[in-house]
Protein backbone atom coordinates (compact mmCIF):
# COMPACT_ATOMS: atom_id res chain seq x y z
CA ALA A 1 -42.61 6.22 19.70
CA ALA A 2 -43.86 6.72 23.22
CA LEU A 3 -43.82 4.39 26.24
CA LEU A 4 -46.66 4.02 28.70
CA ASP A 5 -45.68 4.33 32.37
CA SER A 6 -47.09 1.27 34.15
CA MET A 7 -47.63 3.17 37.42
CA THR A 8 -49.35 6.30 36.14
CA GLY A 9 -50.40 5.34 32.66
CA ALA A 10 -48.72 8.53 31.36
CA VAL A 11 -46.87 8.57 28.11
CA LYS A 12 -43.12 9.10 28.41
CA VAL A 13 -42.54 11.01 25.20
CA SER A 14 -39.67 13.21 26.37
CA ARG A 15 -37.55 10.26 27.49
CA MET A 16 -38.02 8.56 24.11
CA ALA A 17 -37.16 11.81 22.35
CA ASP A 18 -33.98 12.06 24.43
CA ILE A 19 -33.03 8.50 23.50
CA ASP A 20 -33.77 9.16 19.81
CA ASN A 21 -31.68 12.33 19.90
CA LEU A 22 -28.82 10.47 21.57
CA ILE A 23 -28.91 7.74 18.94
CA ILE A 24 -29.02 10.30 16.14
CA GLU A 25 -26.08 12.16 17.70
CA HIS A 26 -24.05 8.95 17.86
CA LEU A 27 -24.95 8.05 14.28
CA ARG A 28 -23.84 11.50 13.10
CA HIS A 29 -20.54 11.05 14.92
CA VAL A 30 -20.08 7.60 13.34
CA ARG A 31 -20.84 9.07 9.91
CA THR A 32 -18.25 11.82 10.48
CA VAL A 33 -15.64 9.26 11.50
CA VAL A 34 -16.46 7.04 8.49
CA ASP A 35 -16.20 10.04 6.15
CA GLY A 36 -12.79 10.85 7.62
CA LEU A 37 -11.68 7.25 7.18
CA ARG A 38 -12.92 7.28 3.59
CA ASP A 39 -10.82 10.37 2.88
CA ASP A 40 -7.81 8.79 4.58
CA MET A 41 -8.26 5.59 2.57
CA ARG A 42 -8.46 7.57 -0.66
CA GLU A 43 -5.18 9.28 0.23
CA VAL A 44 -3.51 5.98 1.16
CA LYS A 45 -4.63 4.41 -2.14
CA GLN A 46 -3.22 7.38 -4.05
CA LYS A 47 0.12 7.11 -2.25
CA LEU A 48 0.20 3.35 -2.81
CA GLY A 49 -0.38 3.91 -6.52
CA HIS A 50 2.58 6.29 -6.63
CA LEU A 51 4.76 3.75 -4.78
CA GLU A 52 3.72 1.02 -7.22
CA GLU A 53 4.67 3.24 -10.15
CA LEU A 54 8.01 4.00 -8.51
CA ALA A 55 8.66 0.31 -7.82
CA ALA A 56 7.80 -0.57 -11.42
CA GLY A 57 10.24 2.08 -12.63
CA LEU A 58 12.97 0.78 -10.35
CA PHE A 59 12.44 -2.80 -11.49
CA GLY A 60 12.60 -1.62 -15.08
CA GLN A 61 15.87 0.19 -14.39
CA TYR A 62 17.24 -2.91 -12.65
CA ALA A 63 16.33 -5.07 -15.64
CA SER A 64 17.97 -2.57 -17.98
CA LEU A 65 21.16 -2.51 -15.91
CA SER A 66 21.17 -6.28 -15.71
CA LYS A 67 20.98 -6.52 -19.51
CA ARG A 68 23.83 -4.02 -19.86
CA LEU A 69 25.98 -5.96 -17.42
CA ASP A 70 25.27 -9.18 -19.32
CA ARG A 71 26.35 -7.54 -22.58
CA LEU A 72 29.52 -6.21 -20.93
CA ASP A 73 30.25 -9.66 -19.52
CA ASN A 74 29.84 -11.17 -23.00
CA ARG A 75 32.14 -8.55 -24.49
CA LEU A 76 34.74 -9.18 -21.80
CA GLU A 77 34.59 -12.92 -22.49
CA ARG A 78 35.18 -12.31 -26.20
CA VAL A 79 38.15 -10.05 -25.44
CA GLU A 80 39.62 -12.68 -23.10
CA GLN A 81 39.15 -15.36 -25.76
CA ARG A 82 40.82 -13.23 -28.42
CA LEU A 83 43.75 -12.49 -26.14
CA ASP A 84 43.77 -16.06 -24.87
CA LEU A 85 43.53 -14.73 -21.32
CA GLY A 86 41.07 -17.37 -20.24
CA ARG A 87 43.70 -20.09 -20.13
CA MET A 88 46.26 -17.86 -18.47
CA THR A 89 43.93 -16.78 -15.69
CA ASN A 90 42.78 -20.36 -15.16
CA SER A 91 46.35 -21.62 -14.97
CA ILE A 92 47.30 -18.81 -12.58
CA TRP A 93 44.47 -19.79 -10.24
CA LEU A 94 45.64 -23.41 -10.31
CA LEU A 95 49.11 -22.48 -9.05
């Protein structure tokens, strides 16, 4: 793509080539930056996946501990009922 100089009628090929080269250089730089961002995004997604797995494991452990505590609480209630401690502790708190 050449431009015609209005004064001389000469074709300005070298200026257009310089502009084309500059645009191509900028596009290559943009592509390099985008490729770097793509790699960074891939790494971030991988780390996020590991964090999600860790969080799921922690929530599972929390649920397991919660169930165990509920069972222990039920056992403690049964022991208190058998020993008739429920009434004694309630009457102590009323005093």
